[in-house]
PDB file of N, CA and C in Angstrom:
ATOM      1  N   MET A   1     -12.468  -8.615  -3.828  1.00  0.00           N
ATOM      2  CA  MET A   1     -12.642  -9.914  -3.250  1.00  0.00           C
ATOM      3  C   MET A   1     -11.295 -10.598  -3.008  1.00  0.00           C
ATOM      4  N   ALA A   2     -10.338 -10.403  -3.909  1.00  0.00           N
ATOM      5  CA  ALA A   2      -9.025 -11.040  -3.760  1.00  0.00           C
ATOM      6  C   ALA A   2      -8.322 -10.549  -2.501  1.00  0.00           C
ATOM      7  N   ILE A   3      -8.468  -9.269  -2.193  1.00  0.00           N
ATOM      8  CA  ILE A   3      -7.839  -8.721  -0.991  1.00  0.00           C
ATOM      9  C   ILE A   3      -8.453  -9.360   0.248  1.00  0.00           C
ATOM     10  N   ALA A   4      -9.766  -9.505   0.270  1.00  0.00           N
ATOM     11  CA  ALA A   4     -10.447 -10.130   1.408  1.00  0.00           C
ATOM     12  C   ALA A   4      -9.969 -11.573   1.604  1.00  0.00           C
ATOM     13  N   ARG A   5      -9.837 -12.323   0.515  1.00  0.00           N
ATOM     14  CA  ARG A   5      -9.351 -13.707   0.622  1.00  0.00           C
ATOM     15  C   ARG A   5      -7.925 -13.742   1.163  1.00  0.00           C
ATOM     16  N   ALA A   6      -7.098 -12.834   0.699  1.00  0.00           N
ATOM     17  CA  ALA A   6      -5.711 -12.793   1.170  1.00  0.00           C
ATOM     18  C   ALA A   6      -5.647 -12.459   2.651  1.00  0.00           C
ATOM     19  N   ILE A   7      -6.427 -11.486   3.078  1.00  0.00           N
ATOM     20  CA  ILE A   7      -6.424 -11.063   4.482  1.00  0.00           C
ATOM     21  C   ILE A   7      -6.935 -12.188   5.374  1.00  0.00           C
ATOM     22  N   ALA A   8      -7.950 -12.909   4.923  1.00  0.00           N
ATOM     23  CA  ALA A   8      -8.546 -13.985   5.720  1.00  0.00           C
ATOM     24  C   ALA A   8      -7.526 -15.064   6.074  1.00  0.00           C
ATOM     25  N   LYS A   9      -6.508 -15.233   5.256  1.00  0.00           N
ATOM     26  CA  LYS A   9      -5.480 -16.247   5.511  1.00  0.00           C
ATOM     27  C   LYS A   9      -4.423 -15.775   6.492  1.00  0.00           C
ATOM     28  N   ARG A  10      -4.505 -14.500   6.900  1.00  0.00           N
ATOM     29  CA  ARG A  10      -3.570 -13.915   7.855  1.00  0.00           C
ATOM     30  C   ARG A  10      -2.108 -14.180   7.451  1.00  0.00           C
ATOM     31  N   PRO A  11      -1.730 -13.734   6.257  1.00  0.00           N
ATOM     32  CA  PRO A  11      -0.375 -14.027   5.767  1.00  0.00           C
ATOM     33  C   PRO A  11       0.693 -13.213   6.485  1.00  0.00           C
ATOM     34  N   ASP A  12       1.912 -13.693   6.437  1.00  0.00           N
ATOM     35  CA  ASP A  12       3.042 -12.934   6.971  1.00  0.00           C
ATOM     36  C   ASP A  12       3.405 -11.790   6.033  1.00  0.00           C
ATOM     37  N   VAL A  13       3.234 -12.027   4.718  1.00  0.00           N
ATOM     38  CA  VAL A  13       3.580 -11.039   3.693  1.00  0.00           C
ATOM     39  C   VAL A  13       2.455 -10.988   2.658  1.00  0.00           C
ATOM     40  N   MET A  14       2.080  -9.777   2.261  1.00  0.00           N
ATOM     41  CA  MET A  14       1.120  -9.591   1.174  1.00  0.00           C
ATOM     42  C   MET A  14       1.757  -8.715   0.106  1.00  0.00           C
ATOM     43  N   LEU A  15       1.688  -9.163  -1.142  1.00  0.00           N
ATOM     44  CA  LEU A  15       2.139  -8.368  -2.284  1.00  0.00           C
ATOM     45  C   LEU A  15       0.900  -7.878  -3.007  1.00  0.00           C
ATOM     46  N   CYS A  16       0.732  -6.564  -3.065  1.00  0.00           N
ATOM     47  CA  CYS A  16      -0.473  -5.967  -3.655  1.00  0.00           C
ATOM     48  C   CYS A  16      -0.085  -5.178  -4.895  1.00  0.00           C
ATOM     49  N   ASP A  17      -0.414  -5.733  -6.056  1.00  0.00           N
ATOM     50  CA  ASP A  17      -0.076  -5.092  -7.321  1.00  0.00           C
ATOM     51  C   ASP A  17      -1.232  -4.203  -7.761  1.00  0.00           C
ATOM     52  N   GLU A  18      -1.018  -2.894  -7.713  1.00  0.00           N
ATOM     53  CA  GLU A  18      -2.021  -1.895  -8.096  1.00  0.00           C
ATOM     54  C   GLU A  18      -3.380  -2.131  -7.403  1.00  0.00           C
ATOM     55  N   PRO A  19      -3.410  -2.189  -6.070  1.00  0.00           N
ATOM     56  CA  PRO A  19      -4.669  -2.481  -5.378  1.00  0.00           C
ATOM     57  C   PRO A  19      -5.736  -1.403  -5.541  1.00  0.00           C
ATOM     58  N   THR A  20      -5.336  -0.202  -5.964  1.00  0.00           N
ATOM     59  CA  THR A  20      -6.308   0.880  -6.152  1.00  0.00           C
ATOM     60  C   THR A  20      -6.468   1.250  -7.625  1.00  0.00           C
ATOM     61  N   GLY A  21      -5.850   0.497  -8.512  1.00  0.00           N
ATOM     62  CA  GLY A  21      -5.767   0.840  -9.928  1.00  0.00           C
ATOM     63  C   GLY A  21      -7.094   1.099 -10.620  1.00  0.00           C
ATOM     64  N   ALA A  22      -8.089   0.276 -10.411  1.00  0.00           N
ATOM     65  CA  ALA A  22      -9.360   0.415 -11.131  1.00  0.00           C
ATOM     66  C   ALA A  22     -10.463   0.951 -10.228  1.00  0.00           C
ATOM     67  N   LEU A  23     -10.069   1.605  -9.148  1.00  0.00           N
ATOM     68  CA  LEU A  23     -11.048   2.066  -8.157  1.00  0.00           C
ATOM     69  C   LEU A  23     -11.156   3.582  -8.144  1.00  0.00           C
ATOM     70  N   ASP A  24     -12.320   4.077  -7.730  1.00  0.00           N
ATOM     71  CA  ASP A  24     -12.452   5.514  -7.499  1.00  0.00           C
ATOM     72  C   ASP A  24     -11.663   5.848  -6.234  1.00  0.00           C
ATOM     73  N   ALA A  25     -11.403   7.123  -6.009  1.00  0.00           N
ATOM     74  CA  ALA A  25     -10.553   7.552  -4.894  1.00  0.00           C
ATOM     75  C   ALA A  25     -11.112   7.111  -3.539  1.00  0.00           C
ATOM     76  N   GLU A  26     -12.407   7.217  -3.332  1.00  0.00           N
ATOM     77  CA  GLU A  26     -12.996   6.847  -2.035  1.00  0.00           C
ATOM     78  C   GLU A  26     -12.795   5.359  -1.744  1.00  0.00           C
ATOM     79  N   THR A  27     -13.069   4.511  -2.723  1.00  0.00           N
ATOM     80  CA  THR A  27     -12.894   3.073  -2.541  1.00  0.00           C
ATOM     81  C   THR A  27     -11.416   2.729  -2.414  1.00  0.00           C
ATOM     82  N   GLY A  28     -10.576   3.412  -3.168  1.00  0.00           N
ATOM     83  CA  GLY A  28      -9.130   3.199  -3.065  1.00  0.00           C
ATOM     84  C   GLY A  28      -8.616   3.500  -1.674  1.00  0.00           C
ATOM     85  N   ARG A  29      -9.087   4.596  -1.086  1.00  0.00           N
ATOM     86  CA  ARG A  29      -8.675   4.933   0.282  1.00  0.00           C
ATOM     87  C   ARG A  29      -9.157   3.870   1.266  1.00  0.00           C
ATOM     88  N   LEU A  30     -10.351   3.327   1.068  1.00  0.00           N
ATOM     89  CA  LEU A  30     -10.871   2.265   1.932  1.00  0.00           C
ATOM     90  C   LEU A  30      -9.980   1.020   1.855  1.00  0.00           C
ATOM     91  N   VAL A  31      -9.561   0.653   0.657  1.00  0.00           N
ATOM     92  CA  VAL A  31      -8.669  -0.497   0.485  1.00  0.00           C
ATOM     93  C   VAL A  31      -7.338  -0.248   1.187  1.00  0.00           C
ATOM     94  N   LEU A  32      -6.759   0.930   1.000  1.00  0.00           N
ATOM     95  CA  LEU A  32      -5.484   1.246   1.637  1.00  0.00           C
ATOM     96  C   LEU A  32      -5.599   1.254   3.153  1.00  0.00           C
ATOM     97  N   LYS A  33      -6.696   1.802   3.679  1.00  0.00           N
ATOM     98  CA  LYS A  33      -6.901   1.796   5.135  1.00  0.00           C
ATOM     99  C   LYS A  33      -6.993   0.366   5.651  1.00  0.00           C
ATOM    100  N   THR A  34      -7.655  -0.496   4.902  1.00  0.00           N
ATOM    101  CA  THR A  34      -7.765  -1.902   5.304  1.00  0.00           C
ATOM    102  C   THR A  34      -6.387  -2.554   5.338  1.00  0.00           C
ATOM    103  N   LEU A  35      -5.559  -2.285   4.334  1.00  0.00           N
ATOM    104  CA  LEU A  35      -4.212  -2.854   4.322  1.00  0.00           C
ATOM    105  C   LEU A  35      -3.388  -2.364   5.510  1.00  0.00           C
ATOM    106  N   ILE A  36      -3.509  -1.099   5.847  1.00  0.00           N
ATOM    107  CA  ILE A  36      -2.798  -0.544   7.000  1.00  0.00           C
ATOM    108  C   ILE A  36      -3.295  -1.184   8.290  1.00  0.00           C
ATOM    109  N   ASP A  37      -4.618  -1.343   8.424  1.00  0.00           N
ATOM    110  CA  ASP A  37      -5.185  -1.970   9.623  1.00  0.00           C
ATOM    111  C   ASP A  37      -4.696  -3.406   9.782  1.00  0.00           C
ATOM    112  N   VAL A  38      -4.636  -4.151   8.677  1.00  0.00           N
ATOM    113  CA  VAL A  38      -4.146  -5.532   8.733  1.00  0.00           C
ATOM    114  C   VAL A  38      -2.681  -5.540   9.156  1.00  0.00           C
ATOM    115  N   ASN A  39      -1.907  -4.624   8.611  1.00  0.00           N
ATOM    116  CA  ASN A  39      -0.503  -4.515   9.000  1.00  0.00           C
ATOM    117  C   ASN A  39      -0.378  -4.275  10.497  1.00  0.00           C
ATOM    118  N   ARG A  40      -1.169  -3.367  11.011  1.00  0.00           N
ATOM    119  CA  ARG A  40      -1.095  -2.995  12.418  1.00  0.00           C
ATOM    120  C   ARG A  40      -1.609  -4.113  13.330  1.00  0.00           C
ATOM    121  N   GLU A  41      -2.733  -4.711  12.989  1.00  0.00           N
ATOM    122  CA  GLU A  41      -3.391  -5.680  13.875  1.00  0.00           C
ATOM    123  C   GLU A  41      -2.835  -7.095  13.758  1.00  0.00           C
ATOM    124  N   VAL A  42      -2.455  -7.504  12.561  1.00  0.00           N
ATOM    125  CA  VAL A  42      -2.002  -8.880  12.340  1.00  0.00           C
ATOM    126  C   VAL A  42      -0.482  -8.941  12.230  1.00  0.00           C
ATOM    127  N   GLY A  43       0.129  -7.831  11.864  1.00  0.00           N
ATOM    128  CA  GLY A  43       1.578  -7.801  11.694  1.00  0.00           C
ATOM    129  C   GLY A  43       2.027  -8.186  10.302  1.00  0.00           C
ATOM    130  N   THR A  44       1.092  -8.229   9.369  1.00  0.00           N
ATOM    131  CA  THR A  44       1.420  -8.573   7.987  1.00  0.00           C
ATOM    132  C   THR A  44       2.299  -7.496   7.362  1.00  0.00           C
ATOM    133  N   THR A  45       3.389  -7.917   6.762  1.00  0.00           N
ATOM    134  CA  THR A  45       4.210  -7.003   5.973  1.00  0.00           C
ATOM    135  C   THR A  45       3.539  -6.865   4.614  1.00  0.00           C
ATOM    136  N   THR A  46       3.315  -5.632   4.184  1.00  0.00           N
ATOM    137  CA  THR A  46       2.585  -5.406   2.946  1.00  0.00           C
ATOM    138  C   THR A  46       3.432  -4.588   1.983  1.00  0.00           C
ATOM    139  N   ALA A  47       3.586  -5.113   0.775  1.00  0.00           N
ATOM    140  CA  ALA A  47       4.264  -4.379  -0.296  1.00  0.00           C
ATOM    141  C   ALA A  47       3.200  -3.984  -1.307  1.00  0.00           C
ATOM    142  N   VAL A  48       3.085  -2.677  -1.537  1.00  0.00           N
ATOM    143  CA  VAL A  48       2.120  -2.159  -2.506  1.00  0.00           C
ATOM    144  C   VAL A  48       2.901  -1.683  -3.724  1.00  0.00           C
ATOM    145  N   ILE A  49       2.610  -2.287  -4.856  1.00  0.00           N
ATOM    146  CA  ILE A  49       3.246  -1.907  -6.106  1.00  0.00           C
ATOM    147  C   ILE A  49       2.245  -1.034  -6.861  1.00  0.00           C
ATOM    148  N   THR A  50       2.659   0.194  -7.202  1.00  0.00           N
ATOM    149  CA  THR A  50       1.716   1.111  -7.839  1.00  0.00           C
ATOM    150  C   THR A  50       2.438   2.146  -8.695  1.00  0.00           C
ATOM    151  N   HIS A  51       1.707   2.682  -9.660  1.00  0.00           N
ATOM    152  CA  HIS A  51       2.192   3.822 -10.434  1.00  0.00           C
ATOM    153  C   HIS A  51       1.701   5.131  -9.814  1.00  0.00           C
ATOM    154  N   ASN A  52       0.805   5.039  -8.841  1.00  0.00           N
ATOM    155  CA  ASN A  52       0.225   6.212  -8.189  1.00  0.00           C
ATOM    156  C   ASN A  52       1.174   6.697  -7.095  1.00  0.00           C
ATOM    157  N   ALA A  53       2.016   7.656  -7.408  1.00  0.00           N
ATOM    158  CA  ALA A  53       3.036   8.137  -6.477  1.00  0.00           C
ATOM    159  C   ALA A  53       2.456   8.730  -5.202  1.00  0.00           C
ATOM    160  N   VAL A  54       1.217   9.189  -5.227  1.00  0.00           N
ATOM    161  CA  VAL A  54       0.579   9.773  -4.043  1.00  0.00           C
ATOM    162  C   VAL A  54       0.531   8.759  -2.904  1.00  0.00           C
ATOM    163  N   ILE A  55       0.316   7.498  -3.240  1.00  0.00           N
ATOM    164  CA  ILE A  55       0.182   6.450  -2.230  1.00  0.00           C
ATOM    165  C   ILE A  55       1.450   6.296  -1.407  1.00  0.00           C
ATOM    166  N   ALA A  56       2.591   6.663  -1.943  1.00  0.00           N
ATOM    167  CA  ALA A  56       3.861   6.541  -1.224  1.00  0.00           C
ATOM    168  C   ALA A  56       3.840   7.289   0.104  1.00  0.00           C
ATOM    169  N   GLY A  57       3.000   8.295   0.227  1.00  0.00           N
ATOM    170  CA  GLY A  57       2.937   9.079   1.454  1.00  0.00           C
ATOM    171  C   GLY A  57       2.515   8.293   2.686  1.00  0.00           C
ATOM    172  N   ILE A  58       1.823   7.171   2.516  1.00  0.00           N
ATOM    173  CA  ILE A  58       1.363   6.389   3.667  1.00  0.00           C
ATOM    174  C   ILE A  58       2.344   5.292   4.060  1.00  0.00           C
ATOM    175  N   ALA A  59       3.377   5.091   3.261  1.00  0.00           N
ATOM    176  CA  ALA A  59       4.301   3.968   3.458  1.00  0.00           C
ATOM    177  C   ALA A  59       5.359   4.265   4.510  1.00  0.00           C
ATOM    178  N   ASN A  60       5.827   3.206   5.164  1.00  0.00           N
ATOM    179  CA  ASN A  60       6.996   3.323   6.037  1.00  0.00           C
ATOM    180  C   ASN A  60       8.250   3.503   5.197  1.00  0.00           C
ATOM    181  N   ARG A  61       8.348   2.691   4.139  1.00  0.00           N
ATOM    182  CA  ARG A  61       9.513   2.704   3.276  1.00  0.00           C
ATOM    183  C   ARG A  61       9.051   2.729   1.828  1.00  0.00           C
ATOM    184  N   VAL A  62       9.755   3.478   1.004  1.00  0.00           N
ATOM    185  CA  VAL A  62       9.408   3.610  -0.411  1.00  0.00           C
ATOM    186  C   VAL A  62      10.616   3.183  -1.249  1.00  0.00           C
ATOM    187  N   LEU A  63      10.366   2.272  -2.171  1.00  0.00           N
ATOM    188  CA  LEU A  63      11.382   1.864  -3.133  1.00  0.00           C
ATOM    189  C   LEU A  63      10.911   2.336  -4.497  1.00  0.00           C
ATOM    190  N   ARG A  64      11.759   3.035  -5.223  1.00  0.00           N
ATOM    191  CA  ARG A  64      11.416   3.488  -6.564  1.00  0.00           C
ATOM    192  C   ARG A  64      12.248   2.677  -7.546  1.00  0.00           C
ATOM    193  N   MET A  65      11.567   2.186  -8.569  1.00  0.00           N
ATOM    194  CA  MET A  65      12.236   1.332  -9.555  1.00  0.00           C
ATOM    195  C   MET A  65      12.205   1.970 -10.936  1.00  0.00           C
ATOM    196  N   THR A  66      13.250   1.709 -11.692  1.00  0.00           N
ATOM    197  CA  THR A  66      13.325   2.093 -13.090  1.00  0.00           C
ATOM    198  C   THR A  66      13.946   0.927 -13.845  1.00  0.00           C
ATOM    199  N   SER A  67      13.302   0.518 -14.918  1.00  0.00           N
ATOM    200  CA  SER A  67      13.801  -0.584 -15.752  1.00  0.00           C
ATOM    201  C   SER A  67      14.108  -1.829 -14.926  1.00  0.00           C
ATOM    202  N   GLY A  68      13.246  -2.130 -13.962  1.00  0.00           N
ATOM    203  CA  GLY A  68      13.394  -3.351 -13.172  1.00  0.00           C
ATOM    204  C   GLY A  68      14.453  -3.300 -12.087  1.00  0.00           C
ATOM    205  N   ARG A  69      15.012  -2.141 -11.830  1.00  0.00           N
ATOM    206  CA  ARG A  69      16.050  -1.993 -10.793  1.00  0.00           C
ATOM    207  C   ARG A  69      15.627  -0.948  -9.774  1.00  0.00           C
ATOM    208  N   ILE A  70      15.963  -1.204  -8.522  1.00  0.00           N
ATOM    209  CA  ILE A  70      15.704  -0.234  -7.463  1.00  0.00           C
ATOM    210  C   ILE A  70      16.706   0.904  -7.617  1.00  0.00           C
ATOM    211  N   VAL A  71      16.182   2.125  -7.791  1.00  0.00           N
ATOM    212  CA  VAL A  71      17.054   3.286  -7.976  1.00  0.00           C
ATOM    213  C   VAL A  71      17.000   4.239  -6.784  1.00  0.00           C
ATOM    214  N   GLU A  72      16.054   4.013  -5.885  1.00  0.00           N
ATOM    215  CA  GLU A  72      15.954   4.863  -4.694  1.00  0.00           C
ATOM    216  C   GLU A  72      15.245   4.093  -3.585  1.00  0.00           C
ATOM    217  N   THR A  73      15.764   4.230  -2.379  1.00  0.00           N
ATOM    218  CA  THR A  73      15.127   3.670  -1.192  1.00  0.00           C
ATOM    219  C   THR A  73      15.090   4.775  -0.155  1.00  0.00           C
ATOM    220  N   ARG A  74      13.902   4.998   0.408  1.00  0.00           N
ATOM    221  CA  ARG A  74      13.808   6.029   1.456  1.00  0.00           C
ATOM    222  C   ARG A  74      12.750   5.642   2.468  1.00  0.00           C
ATOM    223  N   ARG A  75      12.912   6.162   3.663  1.00  0.00           N
ATOM    224  CA  ARG A  75      11.906   6.013   4.719  1.00  0.00           C
ATOM    225  C   ARG A  75      11.116   7.305   4.801  1.00  0.00           C
ATOM    226  N   ASN A  76       9.831   7.176   5.049  1.00  0.00           N
ATOM    227  CA  ASN A  76       9.008   8.366   5.258  1.00  0.00           C
ATOM    228  C   ASN A  76       9.151   8.813   6.705  1.00  0.00           C
ATOM    229  N   VAL A  77       9.711   9.971   6.887  1.00  0.00           N
ATOM    230  CA  VAL A  77       9.853  10.520   8.236  1.00  0.00           C
ATOM    231  C   VAL A  77       8.486  10.911   8.772  1.00  0.00           C
ATOM    232  N   LYS A  78       7.678  11.551   7.934  1.00  0.00           N
ATOM    233  CA  LYS A  78       6.330  11.941   8.329  1.00  0.00           C
ATOM    234  C   LYS A  78       5.341  11.329   7.343  1.00  0.00           C
ATOM    235  N   ARG A  79       4.710  10.266   7.792  1.00  0.00           N
ATOM    236  CA  ARG A  79       3.716   9.611   6.947  1.00  0.00           C
ATOM    237  C   ARG A  79       2.407  10.397   6.998  1.00  0.00           C
ATOM    238  N   VAL A  80       1.649  10.322   5.927  1.00  0.00           N
ATOM    239  CA  VAL A  80       0.334  10.953   5.901  1.00  0.00           C
ATOM    240  C   VAL A  80      -0.724   9.887   6.162  1.00  0.00           C
ATOM    241  N   SER A  81      -1.884  10.315   6.609  1.00  0.00           N
ATOM    242  CA  SER A  81      -2.974   9.366   6.812  1.00  0.00           C
ATOM    243  C   SER A  81      -3.657   9.109   5.474  1.00  0.00           C
ATOM    244  N   VAL A  82      -4.348   7.988   5.396  1.00  0.00           N
ATOM    245  CA  VAL A  82      -5.055   7.642   4.165  1.00  0.00           C
ATOM    246  C   VAL A  82      -6.057   8.733   3.808  1.00  0.00           C
ATOM    247  N   GLY A  83      -6.697   9.326   4.808  1.00  0.00           N
ATOM    248  CA  GLY A  83      -7.676  10.375   4.564  1.00  0.00           C
ATOM    249  C   GLY A  83      -7.094  11.615   3.908  1.00  0.00           C
ATOM    250  N   GLU A  84      -5.785  11.800   4.021  1.00  0.00           N
ATOM    251  CA  GLU A  84      -5.119  12.964   3.426  1.00  0.00           C
ATOM    252  C   GLU A  84      -4.762  12.732   1.954  1.00  0.00           C
ATOM    253  N   LEU A  85      -4.860  11.504   1.488  1.00  0.00           N
ATOM    254  CA  LEU A  85      -4.520  11.212   0.096  1.00  0.00           C
ATOM    255  C   LEU A  85      -5.578  11.727  -0.852  1.00  0.00           C
ATOM    256  N   SER A  86      -5.127  12.257  -1.975  1.00  0.00           N
ATOM    257  CA  SER A  86      -6.045  12.738  -2.995  1.00  0.00           C
ATOM    258  C   SER A  86      -5.434  12.459  -4.360  1.00  0.00           C
ATOM    259  N   TRP A  87      -6.221  11.838  -5.218  1.00  0.00           N
ATOM    260  CA  TRP A  87      -5.767  11.598  -6.592  1.00  0.00           C
ATOM    261  C   TRP A  87      -6.919  11.634  -7.548  1.00  0.00           C
TER     262      TRP A  87
END
């Protein structure tokens, strides 16, 4: 419900902390697809914070943090579709 409320406001930036954390894989993929669609259609910049490294495959840019510091920044040359994710 929180994601729906955030999307309804058409924000410029959305920060999503573990949006798939308590979800089964099918529902998690649905949430991620929705975030991608909002990014594409509304232009919302979306930051997804997660411990699930698999999700990084759908991102344009990936920042990896250790002890509160960014230790790696990379762009995904070949992004995967949400349907290709498995966890």
